[in-house]
Amino acid sequence: MRPVAILALLATAVGAGCTPTGGRGQRPATQLRWVSPLAVEAVSPGQVGGVRWLRATASQPTRMVVWHDDGEQVRSTEVAPLAVEHEVAFVGFAPGPHQVWVELVNDAGERVSSEVVGFDEPGIPGLRVEVLAHDASRVGDGWLLAPLTLVGDEAPTYVVLLDEALRVAWWADRQGLLAEVQLDGHELVGTGGGALNRLDLLGHVTDTVVPALGEAHHDLVTLPDGSFWTLVERGVEVDAYPVAYDRLEDFAPARLRDSFVAHVGPDGETLAAVALADLLDTQKIGFNSLDFYPSEQWFDWNHANGLGIDPRDGGPVVSLRHLDAVVKLSADLQLEWILGAPEGWRAPWSDALLSAAPGLTWPLHPHAPEVLADGTLLLFDNRNDGHTPYTEPVTVRPTSRAVAYRVDAGRAEQLWSYDTTTTGPLFCAAVGDVDLDDAGRVLVDYGFVHFEGELDNEDAGRGARSIRWVEGFVEEAVPLLDVRLSTDPAVWPDGVHSYRVQRVPSRYGPIPAVAP
């Protein structure tokens, strides 16, 4: 039944002296009555959106059934066990108008229904979501989860969930507490502010773990025992560091930004750790290795930006953006191999380099390493500059891609490469992500886009940075999904970027076991 028809039926029922019944025409209850009417309340306005408190009290124990009309469809959801007082947090209100009503049903089958409560759910100011392609029957299941960073002085940082219709069905402004984020049941967990943070869907920080070694950054992998792997920032002084990209044999003393690859316990204790500068050649650099970060005292030597765990042996895999490489460590944190262009690597590190099978293209400035159960290595390959300081420049404008490799017996084989979008290949200057599901669909995050084709974002009426999320089968040339997230330049002229994106189960409905 169409939403308009259902609302008309409800209005007729109320006018006839009955209570609305979700359009099913039940007889009015004889014993059951309301004690307090339905209240629909926002949660932390301006900081959390897409979730509302639903509160109601009946004269006897009842179950609650929530009816929701968002203008596209009408859904009913039973949300609570028998209770007299109902207080439920309900997720899934995309920006725009909504109509909500509830039925309370007792054990005898008697029911009373509330009046219809209407409200407008505000979205994230200045954020635009444009759907360029969406084959709803073939895309992956569930919602999309991502952190969004608006660019500008004192700009907010958001975590968002997009529903099956690609609407922002939940969001929270957590001021950088989740720069990288994963879903753990009905909580979000990720790195931000130098720590592992947990966040519930009401926007509450439920746990914070600061590694004893220092500030966590970029990525983490949680384990069932409550421990986690992450990257921890450190500084290191070296006697000889290249002074220029065109004078790679000229050295000077320098202070470098480095990272520990660290296994951290539930209370922040260090279970195992190794510094990358103790494993790798600090005289090997790439473009951006001469950038300063976080101040004008540290050269951003390797820029470790992603971490995965090989499920076959428990060893970490780390992407090194500024070294144009991915390294694999053993479970006891010894260097096993280096995947990257061989130029510039000296002995003994050159002994760890993988050889290339025919047809392989080495990654440049990669992100988001993930090792699948069969050993396949997934990467987002940004391809900045199109070459390294040790190889000849290229004249072709670089484009980014998702790529999969197999590593076996000291050799790397490229299994596939995917750069398909509805508007042609894209260049993503930083960040990025790639996931592969069991059906063979690849989900790609072009999280830092300045131009599409020959058209800059500003000339297209967008903020300077934008996002494209693309999903499709590796062997197909047409995306199943292509969505652009951008900003109104009048609100956020510098735009928005997303560090990662992933498919997660739908969170529509009540949040279980949430205290008021």
Protein backbone atom coordinates (compact mmCIF):
# COMPACT_ATOMS: atom_id res chain seq x y z
CA MET A 1 0.00 0.00 0.00
CA ARG A 2 1.35 3.46 -0.86
CA PRO A 3 2.40 5.71 2.09
CA VAL A 4 -0.21 8.33 1.20
CA ALA A 5 -2.97 5.70 1.27
CA ILE A 6 -1.85 4.42 4.66
CA LEU A 7 -1.80 7.90 6.17
CA ALA A 8 -5.26 8.58 4.74
CA LEU A 9 -6.51 5.35 6.32
CA LEU A 10 -5.03 6.40 9.66
CA ALA A 11 -6.69 9.77 9.48
CA THR A 12 -10.04 8.09 8.74
CA ALA A 13 -9.62 5.77 11.73
CA VAL A 14 -8.90 8.66 14.08
CA GLY A 15 -11.83 10.64 12.71
CA ALA A 16 -14.15 7.68 13.35
CA GLY A 17 -13.22 7.55 17.03
CA CYS A 18 -10.73 4.68 16.69
CA THR A 19 -6.99 4.66 17.20
CA PRO A 20 -4.64 4.19 14.23
CA THR A 21 -3.46 0.60 13.84
CA GLY A 22 -0.72 0.73 11.21
CA GLY A 23 -3.31 0.38 8.46
CA ARG A 24 -4.54 -3.07 9.57
CA GLY A 25 -7.92 -2.06 11.04
CA GLN A 26 -7.77 -3.78 14.47
CA ARG A 27 -10.63 -3.33 16.96
CA PRO A 28 -9.94 -0.77 19.70
CA ALA A 29 -8.53 -2.24 22.93
CA THR A 30 -10.88 -2.59 25.90
CA GLN A 31 -8.33 -2.93 28.76
CA LEU A 32 -5.13 -1.46 27.39
CA ARG A 33 -4.61 2.30 27.46
CA TRP A 34 -1.87 4.89 27.19
CA VAL A 35 -0.37 6.39 30.34
CA SER A 36 1.99 8.72 28.47
CA PRO A 37 1.81 9.34 24.71
CA LEU A 38 4.55 8.63 22.20
CA ALA A 39 7.48 11.04 22.39
CA VAL A 40 10.03 11.20 19.57
CA GLU A 41 13.21 12.99 20.62
CA ALA A 42 16.46 13.77 18.83
CA VAL A 43 19.78 12.58 20.25
CA SER A 44 22.43 15.27 20.77
CA PRO A 45 21.20 17.66 18.03
CA GLY A 46 24.08 18.94 15.92
CA GLN A 47 26.36 16.09 16.98
CA VAL A 48 24.37 12.92 16.17
CA GLY A 49 21.77 12.42 13.45
CA GLY A 50 19.61 9.63 12.10
CA VAL A 51 18.73 8.19 15.52
CA ARG A 52 15.78 9.13 17.73
CA TRP A 53 14.54 8.18 21.17
CA LEU A 54 11.01 6.70 21.10
CA ARG A 55 9.36 6.82 24.53
CA ALA A 56 5.90 5.63 25.59
CA THR A 57 4.16 4.19 28.67
CA ALA A 58 1.13 1.88 28.74
CA SER A 59 -1.19 0.78 31.55
CA GLN A 60 0.16 -2.79 31.44
CA PRO A 61 3.09 -4.74 29.93
CA THR A 62 3.15 -4.54 26.14
CA ARG A 63 5.34 -5.10 23.14
CA MET A 64 6.15 -2.07 20.99
CA VAL A 65 5.77 -2.09 17.19
CA VAL A 66 7.24 0.94 15.40
CA TRP A 67 5.73 2.09 12.12
CA HIS A 68 7.88 4.39 9.98
CA ASP A 69 7.02 6.24 6.76
CA ASP A 70 10.00 8.01 5.18
CA GLY A 71 8.18 9.03 2.00
CA GLU A 72 9.66 6.10 0.09
CA GLN A 73 8.24 3.13 1.99
CA VAL A 74 6.35 2.19 5.16
CA ARG A 75 7.99 -0.33 7.49
CA SER A 76 6.99 -1.88 10.79
CA THR A 77 9.46 -3.26 13.32
CA GLU A 78 8.85 -4.95 16.66
CA VAL A 79 11.45 -3.41 18.89
CA ALA A 80 11.05 -4.39 22.52
CA PRO A 81 10.06 -7.22 24.89
CA LEU A 82 7.09 -6.89 27.24
CA ALA A 83 7.39 -3.73 29.34
CA VAL A 84 5.21 -1.00 30.79
CA GLU A 85 7.66 1.78 30.01
CA HIS A 86 9.24 1.77 26.58
CA GLU A 87 12.39 3.75 25.86
CA VAL A 88 14.01 2.74 22.60
CA ALA A 89 16.78 4.29 20.50
CA PHE A 90 15.86 3.74 16.85
CA VAL A 91 18.34 4.18 13.95
CA GLY A 92 17.69 4.87 10.29
CA PHE A 93 16.19 8.34 9.81
CA ALA A 94 17.77 9.81 6.68
CA PRO A 95 17.67 13.58 6.13
CA GLY A 96 14.16 14.78 5.29
CA PRO A 97 10.58 14.36 6.53
CA HIS A 98 9.44 11.31 8.51
CA GLN A 99 6.18 10.02 10.00
CA VAL A 100 6.39 7.67 12.99
CA TRP A 101 3.71 5.98 15.06
CA VAL A 102 3.75 2.98 17.39
CA GLU A 103 1.43 0.19 18.41
CA LEU A 104 1.54 -1.24 21.92
CA VAL A 105 0.32 -4.85 22.06
CA ASN A 106 -0.37 -6.88 25.22
CA ASP A 107 -0.34 -10.64 25.70
CA ALA A 108 -4.08 -10.83 25.01
CA GLY A 109 -3.54 -9.31 21.57
CA GLU A 110 -5.17 -6.02 22.54
CA ARG A 111 -3.44 -3.01 21.05
CA VAL A 112 -3.46 0.74 21.13
CA SER A 113 -1.78 2.98 18.60
CA SER A 114 -0.30 6.43 18.98
CA GLU A 115 -0.96 9.53 17.04
CA VAL A 116 1.32 10.03 14.06
CA VAL A 117 4.41 12.07 14.97
CA GLY A 118 6.05 13.94 12.11
CA PHE A 119 9.50 15.49 12.08
CA ASP A 120 12.23 16.62 9.72
CA GLU A 121 15.60 14.97 10.24
CA PRO A 122 18.48 17.38 9.56
CA GLY A 123 21.44 16.15 7.60
CA ILE A 124 25.09 17.15 7.66
CA PRO A 125 25.23 20.82 6.64
CA GLY A 126 26.71 21.35 3.21
CA LEU A 127 27.20 17.66 2.36
CA ARG A 128 25.94 16.43 -1.01
CA VAL A 129 25.35 12.79 -1.96
CA GLU A 130 24.95 12.16 -5.71
CA VAL A 131 24.13 8.69 -7.03
CA LEU A 132 25.74 8.17 -10.44
CA ALA A 133 24.94 4.45 -10.70
CA HIS A 134 23.04 2.03 -8.48
CA ASP A 135 22.02 -1.46 -9.57
CA ALA A 136 20.18 -2.21 -6.33
CA SER A 137 19.56 -5.86 -7.24
CA ARG A 138 23.27 -6.65 -7.67
CA VAL A 139 25.22 -4.50 -5.22
CA GLY A 140 26.56 -5.91 -1.98
CA ASP A 141 24.29 -6.33 1.01
CA GLY A 142 24.08 -3.86 3.86
CA TRP A 143 25.02 -0.28 4.54
CA LEU A 144 28.19 1.72 3.89
CA LEU A 145 30.32 2.88 6.81
CA ALA A 146 32.97 5.59 6.50
CA PRO A 147 34.70 8.42 8.34
CA LEU A 148 34.31 11.78 6.60
CA THR A 149 36.66 14.71 7.16
CA LEU A 150 35.45 18.13 6.13
CA VAL A 151 38.38 20.36 5.23
CA GLY A 152 38.86 23.76 6.80
CA ASP A 153 39.66 25.53 10.05
CA GLU A 154 37.70 23.92 12.91
CA ALA A 155 35.79 21.80 10.40
CA PRO A 156 33.93 18.82 11.91
CA THR A 157 34.88 15.19 11.36
CA TYR A 158 32.04 12.73 10.92
CA VAL A 159 31.38 9.03 10.96
CA VAL A 160 28.48 8.13 8.63
CA LEU A 161 26.32 5.17 7.70
CA LEU A 162 24.61 5.22 4.30
CA ASP A 163 21.58 2.95 3.93
CA GLU A 164 20.60 0.75 0.98
CA ALA A 165 19.15 3.78 -0.81
CA LEU A 166 22.50 5.62 -0.33
CA ARG A 167 21.07 8.11 2.14
CA VAL A 168 22.95 9.17 5.27
CA ALA A 169 20.89 7.13 7.75
CA TRP A 170 23.15 7.84 10.74
CA TRP A 171 26.00 10.23 11.48
CA ALA A 172 28.01 11.55 14.39
CA ASP A 173 30.48 14.40 14.73
CA ARG A 174 33.23 12.99 16.93
CA GLN A 175 35.98 15.58 16.40
CA GLY A 176 38.53 13.16 14.99
CA LEU A 177 38.04 10.38 17.52
CA LEU A 178 37.41 7.91 14.69
CA ALA A 179 39.64 8.77 11.76
CA GLU A 180 39.61 5.08 10.83
CA VAL A 181 36.53 3.09 11.79
CA GLN A 182 35.11 -0.43 11.85
CA LEU A 183 31.80 -1.84 13.07
CA ASP A 184 31.79 -4.15 16.08
CA GLY A 185 28.17 -5.17 16.68
CA HIS A 186 26.35 -1.95 17.57
CA GLU A 187 29.56 -0.08 18.40
CA LEU A 188 32.13 1.61 16.22
CA VAL A 189 35.83 1.13 16.90
CA GLY A 190 38.74 2.94 15.32
CA THR A 191 41.80 5.10 15.76
CA GLY A 192 41.74 8.81 16.38
CA GLY A 193 43.36 11.27 18.73
CA GLY A 194 46.25 8.86 19.24
CA ALA A 195 44.09 6.09 20.72
CA LEU A 196 41.70 3.26 20.03
CA ASN A 197 38.21 4.59 20.66
CA ARG A 198 34.84 2.89 20.87
CA LEU A 199 31.65 4.79 20.09
CA ASP A 200 28.05 3.67 20.47
CA LEU A 201 25.31 4.72 18.05
CA LEU A 202 24.10 7.38 20.48
CA GLY A 203 27.43 9.12 20.01
CA HIS A 204 28.89 8.16 23.40
CA VAL A 205 32.56 7.25 23.66
CA THR A 206 32.41 3.95 25.56
CA ASP A 207 36.13 3.14 25.72
CA THR A 208 39.51 4.72 24.98
CA VAL A 209 42.82 2.83 24.96
CA VAL A 210 46.07 4.78 24.56
CA PRO A 211 49.06 2.58 23.72
CA ALA A 212 51.82 2.78 26.30
CA LEU A 213 54.30 3.20 23.42
CA GLY A 214 52.78 6.47 22.20
CA GLU A 215 50.11 7.77 19.84
CA ALA A 216 48.32 5.28 17.59
CA HIS A 217 47.67 6.45 14.07
CA HIS A 218 46.05 5.51 10.77
CA ASP A 219 44.89 1.93 11.26
CA LEU A 220 44.13 -0.93 13.60
CA VAL A 221 43.11 -4.58 13.58
CA THR A 222 41.22 -5.81 16.64
CA LEU A 223 41.50 -9.39 17.90
CA PRO A 224 38.95 -11.50 19.84
CA ASP A 225 40.97 -11.30 23.07
CA GLY A 226 40.58 -7.51 23.19
CA SER A 227 44.11 -6.77 21.97
CA PHE A 228 44.81 -4.96 18.73
CA TRP A 229 47.52 -4.25 16.18
CA THR A 230 48.20 -0.64 15.24
CA LEU A 231 50.86 1.85 14.16
CA VAL A 232 52.43 4.04 16.86
CA GLU A 233 54.24 7.24 16.00
CA ARG A 234 57.87 7.79 17.03
CA GLY A 235 60.79 10.00 16.09
CA VAL A 236 64.26 8.77 15.18
CA GLU A 237 67.51 10.61 14.45
CA VAL A 238 69.75 9.43 11.60
CA ASP A 239 73.22 10.52 10.51
CA ALA A 240 72.60 10.36 6.76
CA TYR A 241 69.38 11.23 4.93
CA PRO A 242 68.97 12.37 1.30
CA VAL A 243 68.68 16.14 0.99
CA ALA A 244 66.95 16.37 -2.42
CA TYR A 245 65.07 14.15 -4.88
CA ASP A 246 67.55 15.00 -7.62
CA ARG A 247 70.63 14.52 -5.39
CA LEU A 248 69.89 11.16 -3.81
CA GLU A 249 73.57 10.52 -2.96
CA ASP A 250 73.90 13.73 -0.92
CA PHE A 251 73.12 13.17 2.77
CA ALA A 252 72.75 15.15 5.96
CA PRO A 253 71.74 14.33 9.55
CA ALA A 254 67.96 14.42 10.04
CA ARG A 255 65.14 13.65 12.43
CA LEU A 256 62.56 11.32 10.88
CA ARG A 257 58.96 10.48 11.59
CA ASP A 258 58.84 6.71 12.05
CA SER A 259 56.34 4.17 13.38
CA PHE A 260 56.27 1.15 15.59
CA VAL A 261 54.26 -1.79 14.31
CA ALA A 262 52.70 -2.69 17.65
CA HIS A 263 50.54 -5.38 19.20
CA VAL A 264 48.73 -3.65 22.07
CA GLY A 265 46.86 -5.24 24.96
CA PRO A 266 43.35 -4.31 26.12
CA ASP A 267 44.75 -1.85 28.67
CA GLY A 268 47.33 -0.31 26.36
CA GLU A 269 50.25 -2.48 27.39
CA THR A 270 52.78 -3.39 24.72
CA LEU A 271 52.62 -7.08 23.81
CA ALA A 272 55.08 -6.82 20.90
CA ALA A 273 56.53 -4.02 18.80
CA VAL A 274 59.19 -3.22 16.25
CA ALA A 275 60.27 0.11 14.78
CA LEU A 276 60.24 0.28 10.99
CA ALA A 277 63.54 2.20 11.03
CA ASP A 278 65.11 -0.85 12.69
CA LEU A 279 63.95 -3.04 9.78
CA LEU A 280 64.32 -0.80 6.71
CA ASP A 281 66.86 1.45 5.00
CA THR A 282 66.45 5.04 6.23
CA GLN A 283 68.47 6.26 3.22
CA LYS A 284 65.76 4.98 0.82
CA ILE A 285 63.14 7.67 0.18
CA GLY A 286 60.23 8.43 -2.13
CA PHE A 287 58.34 11.51 -3.18
CA ASN A 288 56.96 13.29 -0.08
CA SER A 289 59.72 11.79 2.12
CA LEU A 290 61.18 15.31 2.29
CA ASP A 291 57.89 16.78 3.51
CA PHE A 292 57.81 17.86 7.14
CA TYR A 293 55.34 16.21 9.53
CA PRO A 294 53.96 16.91 12.07
CA SER A 295 56.20 19.95 12.48
CA GLU A 296 59.22 21.43 10.72
CA GLN A 297 61.46 19.08 12.68
CA TRP A 298 60.52 15.62 11.38
CA PHE A 299 60.89 14.45 7.80
CA ASP A 300 57.93 12.19 6.90
CA TRP A 301 60.23 9.35 5.80
CA ASN A 302 58.04 6.27 5.26
CA HIS A 303 54.49 7.47 6.13
CA ALA A 304 53.16 4.10 7.27
CA ASN A 305 49.45 4.46 6.51
CA GLY A 306 47.80 1.03 6.63
CA LEU A 307 48.07 -2.26 8.44
CA GLY A 308 46.59 -5.71 7.94
CA ILE A 309 47.19 -9.11 9.48
CA ASP A 310 47.88 -12.19 7.37
CA PRO A 311 45.31 -14.72 8.69
CA ARG A 312 47.56 -17.61 7.69
CA ASP A 313 50.41 -16.83 10.08
CA GLY A 314 49.38 -13.76 12.13
CA GLY A 315 52.11 -11.58 10.66
CA PRO A 316 51.49 -7.86 9.97
CA VAL A 317 51.46 -6.32 6.49
CA VAL A 318 52.15 -2.57 6.37
CA SER A 319 51.79 -0.09 3.51
CA LEU A 320 54.46 2.62 3.33
CA ARG A 321 53.10 5.49 1.27
CA HIS A 322 56.32 7.47 0.85
CA LEU A 323 58.46 4.42 0.13
CA ASP A 324 56.01 3.17 -2.55
CA ALA A 325 56.08 -0.24 -0.93
CA VAL A 326 54.30 -2.83 1.19
CA VAL A 327 56.26 -4.90 3.71
CA LYS A 328 55.35 -8.23 5.27
CA LEU A 329 56.57 -9.07 8.78
CA SER A 330 56.52 -12.46 10.43
CA ALA A 331 54.49 -13.09 13.57
CA ASP A 332 57.66 -12.39 15.59
CA LEU A 333 58.15 -9.11 13.66
CA GLN A 334 61.02 -10.00 11.37
CA LEU A 335 61.09 -8.63 7.82
CA GLU A 336 59.93 -11.28 5.32
CA TRP A 337 59.49 -9.42 2.04
CA ILE A 338 59.16 -6.03 0.34
CA LEU A 339 56.66 -5.52 -2.49
CA GLY A 340 57.66 -2.49 -4.53
CA ALA A 341 59.78 -1.19 -7.37
CA PRO A 342 63.36 -2.42 -6.80
CA GLU A 343 65.15 0.82 -7.71
CA GLY A 344 66.76 2.54 -4.72
CA TRP A 345 66.85 -0.45 -2.36
CA ARG A 346 70.39 -1.31 -1.24
CA ALA A 347 71.73 -4.56 0.16
CA PRO A 348 70.84 -6.24 2.47
CA TRP A 349 67.24 -4.93 2.03
CA SER A 350 67.31 -5.72 -1.68
CA ASP A 351 67.49 -9.39 -0.70
CA ALA A 352 63.91 -9.10 0.64
CA LEU A 353 62.50 -7.62 -2.60
CA LEU A 354 59.92 -9.69 -4.45
CA SER A 355 60.49 -10.36 -8.13
CA ALA A 356 57.73 -9.47 -10.59
CA ALA A 357 55.69 -11.92 -12.62
CA PRO A 358 54.96 -10.78 -16.20
CA GLY A 359 52.28 -8.08 -16.44
CA LEU A 360 52.77 -6.72 -12.92
CA THR A 361 52.72 -2.99 -12.18
CA TRP A 362 54.31 -1.98 -8.88
CA PRO A 363 52.21 0.20 -6.53
CA LEU A 364 52.96 3.87 -5.90
CA HIS A 365 51.95 5.60 -2.64
CA PRO A 366 49.64 2.66 -1.69
CA HIS A 367 47.00 2.44 1.05
CA ALA A 368 44.81 -0.06 2.87
CA PRO A 369 46.60 -3.43 2.69
CA GLU A 370 44.37 -6.41 3.39
CA VAL A 371 45.31 -10.09 3.23
CA LEU A 372 42.46 -12.48 2.43
CA ALA A 373 42.17 -16.04 3.72
CA ASP A 374 43.82 -17.45 0.58
CA GLY A 375 46.75 -15.02 0.85
CA THR A 376 45.55 -12.53 -1.79
CA LEU A 377 46.88 -9.05 -0.99
CA LEU A 378 44.48 -6.19 -1.73
CA LEU A 379 45.73 -2.61 -2.07
CA PHE A 380 44.45 0.79 -3.04
CA ASP A 381 47.15 2.04 -5.40
CA ASN A 382 47.06 5.86 -5.52
CA ARG A 383 49.90 6.02 -8.10
CA ASN A 384 51.06 9.52 -7.15
CA ASP A 385 53.61 11.03 -9.57
CA GLY A 386 53.56 7.90 -11.76
CA HIS A 387 57.17 7.05 -10.83
CA THR A 388 59.69 7.15 -7.97
CA PRO A 389 62.72 9.43 -7.50
CA TYR A 390 64.86 6.51 -8.70
CA THR A 391 63.04 6.00 -12.03
CA GLU A 392 62.42 8.12 -15.11
CA PRO A 393 59.52 10.61 -15.02
CA VAL A 394 56.35 9.81 -16.97
CA THR A 395 54.26 12.15 -19.07
CA VAL A 396 50.94 10.35 -18.64
CA ARG A 397 48.68 11.73 -15.94
CA PRO A 398 48.43 9.10 -13.17
CA THR A 399 45.18 7.36 -12.30
CA SER A 400 44.42 5.35 -9.17
CA ARG A 401 43.17 1.78 -8.94
CA ALA A 402 42.31 -1.21 -6.79
CA VAL A 403 44.76 -4.04 -7.26
CA ALA A 404 45.24 -7.61 -6.04
CA TYR A 405 48.54 -9.49 -5.79
CA ARG A 406 49.57 -13.05 -4.95
CA VAL A 407 52.92 -13.55 -3.24
CA ASP A 408 54.55 -16.95 -3.51
CA ALA A 409 58.16 -18.17 -3.31
CA GLY A 410 59.66 -14.69 -3.48
CA ARG A 411 57.62 -13.58 -6.47
CA ALA A 412 54.64 -11.22 -6.78
CA GLU A 413 51.92 -11.85 -9.35
CA GLN A 414 49.26 -9.26 -10.19
CA LEU A 415 45.88 -11.01 -10.19
CA TRP A 416 43.73 -8.12 -11.32
CA SER A 417 43.47 -4.34 -11.43
CA TYR A 418 40.23 -2.34 -11.28
CA ASP A 419 39.81 1.36 -12.14
CA THR A 420 36.29 1.42 -13.60
CA THR A 421 33.91 4.29 -12.77
CA THR A 422 30.97 5.82 -14.60
CA THR A 423 33.10 8.82 -15.59
CA GLY A 424 36.37 7.06 -16.43
CA PRO A 425 39.54 6.50 -14.39
CA LEU A 426 40.13 8.81 -11.43
CA PHE A 427 43.18 10.08 -9.62
CA CYS A 428 42.99 9.99 -5.83
CA ALA A 429 45.88 11.98 -4.36
CA ALA A 430 45.71 10.49 -0.85
CA VAL A 431 43.85 7.96 1.32
CA GLY A 432 41.72 5.24 -0.29
CA ASP A 433 40.45 1.72 0.33
CA VAL A 434 39.49 -1.52 -1.40
CA ASP A 435 37.45 -4.50 -0.17
CA LEU A 436 36.46 -7.70 -1.95
CA ASP A 437 33.40 -9.73 -0.96
CA ASP A 438 32.81 -13.47 -1.36
CA ALA A 439 30.82 -12.95 -4.56
CA GLY A 440 33.72 -11.14 -6.26
CA ARG A 441 32.45 -7.58 -5.89
CA VAL A 442 35.13 -4.98 -5.26
CA LEU A 443 34.30 -1.81 -3.27
CA VAL A 444 36.71 1.06 -3.92
CA ASP A 445 37.13 4.32 -1.99
CA TYR A 446 38.51 7.16 -4.09
CA GLY A 447 38.59 9.25 -0.97
CA PHE A 448 40.54 12.36 -2.04
CA VAL A 449 39.56 13.51 -5.54
CA HIS A 450 40.41 16.97 -6.89
CA PHE A 451 39.29 16.55 -10.49
CA GLU A 452 37.33 14.20 -12.73
CA GLY A 453 38.62 13.95 -16.28
CA GLU A 454 39.78 17.43 -17.23
CA LEU A 455 37.32 19.24 -14.93
CA ASP A 456 38.45 20.48 -11.53
CA ASN A 457 35.97 20.18 -8.68
CA GLU A 458 35.73 23.96 -8.25
CA ASP A 459 34.80 24.37 -11.92
CA ALA A 460 32.11 21.70 -11.46
CA GLY A 461 30.55 23.65 -8.56
CA ARG A 462 31.92 21.41 -5.81
CA GLY A 463 34.28 21.87 -2.88
CA ALA A 464 37.95 21.37 -3.75
CA ARG A 465 38.07 17.73 -2.51
CA SER A 466 35.41 15.11 -3.10
CA ILE A 467 34.84 11.37 -2.72
CA ARG A 468 33.79 8.61 -5.08
CA TRP A 469 32.71 5.17 -3.84
CA VAL A 470 32.52 2.58 -6.62
CA GLU A 471 31.43 -1.05 -6.44
CA GLY A 472 31.41 -3.68 -9.16
CA PHE A 473 32.51 -7.12 -10.23
CA VAL A 474 36.19 -7.27 -11.12
CA GLU A 475 35.51 -8.82 -14.53
CA GLU A 476 32.80 -6.29 -15.50
CA ALA A 477 33.43 -2.85 -16.99
CA VAL A 478 30.24 -1.22 -15.69
CA PRO A 479 29.99 -0.27 -11.98
CA LEU A 480 27.02 -1.53 -10.00
CA LEU A 481 27.33 1.45 -7.70
CA ASP A 482 28.97 4.84 -8.10
CA VAL A 483 28.25 7.57 -5.56
CA ARG A 484 29.88 10.97 -5.22
CA LEU A 485 30.10 12.78 -1.90
CA SER A 486 31.00 16.44 -2.15
CA THR A 487 30.30 19.75 -0.43
CA ASP A 488 28.46 22.93 -1.23
CA PRO A 489 31.39 25.30 -1.87
CA ALA A 490 29.48 28.11 -0.17
CA VAL A 491 29.56 26.06 3.06
CA TRP A 492 32.77 24.03 2.81
CA PRO A 493 34.88 25.39 -0.08
CA ASP A 494 37.80 23.02 0.62
CA GLY A 495 35.59 19.93 0.38
CA VAL A 496 35.58 16.55 2.08
CA HIS A 497 37.60 13.31 2.07
CA SER A 498 37.07 9.77 3.34
CA TYR A 499 39.88 7.63 4.72
CA ARG A 500 38.12 4.27 4.22
CA VAL A 501 34.72 2.78 3.30
CA GLN A 502 33.28 -0.68 3.96
CA ARG A 503 30.08 -2.70 3.73
CA VAL A 504 28.45 -3.46 7.08
CA PRO A 505 25.13 -5.11 8.04
CA SER A 506 22.13 -2.79 8.11
CA ARG A 507 21.70 -0.98 11.43
CA TYR A 508 18.07 -0.01 10.74
CA GLY A 509 15.90 -0.43 13.80
CA PRO A 510 16.39 -0.44 17.55
CA ILE A 511 19.74 -0.36 19.28
CA PRO A 512 19.68 -3.35 21.65
CA ALA A 513 20.49 -3.04 25.35
CA VAL A 514 21.11 0.71 25.30
CA ALA A 515 20.73 2.49 28.62
CA PRO A 516 18.83 5.81 28.53
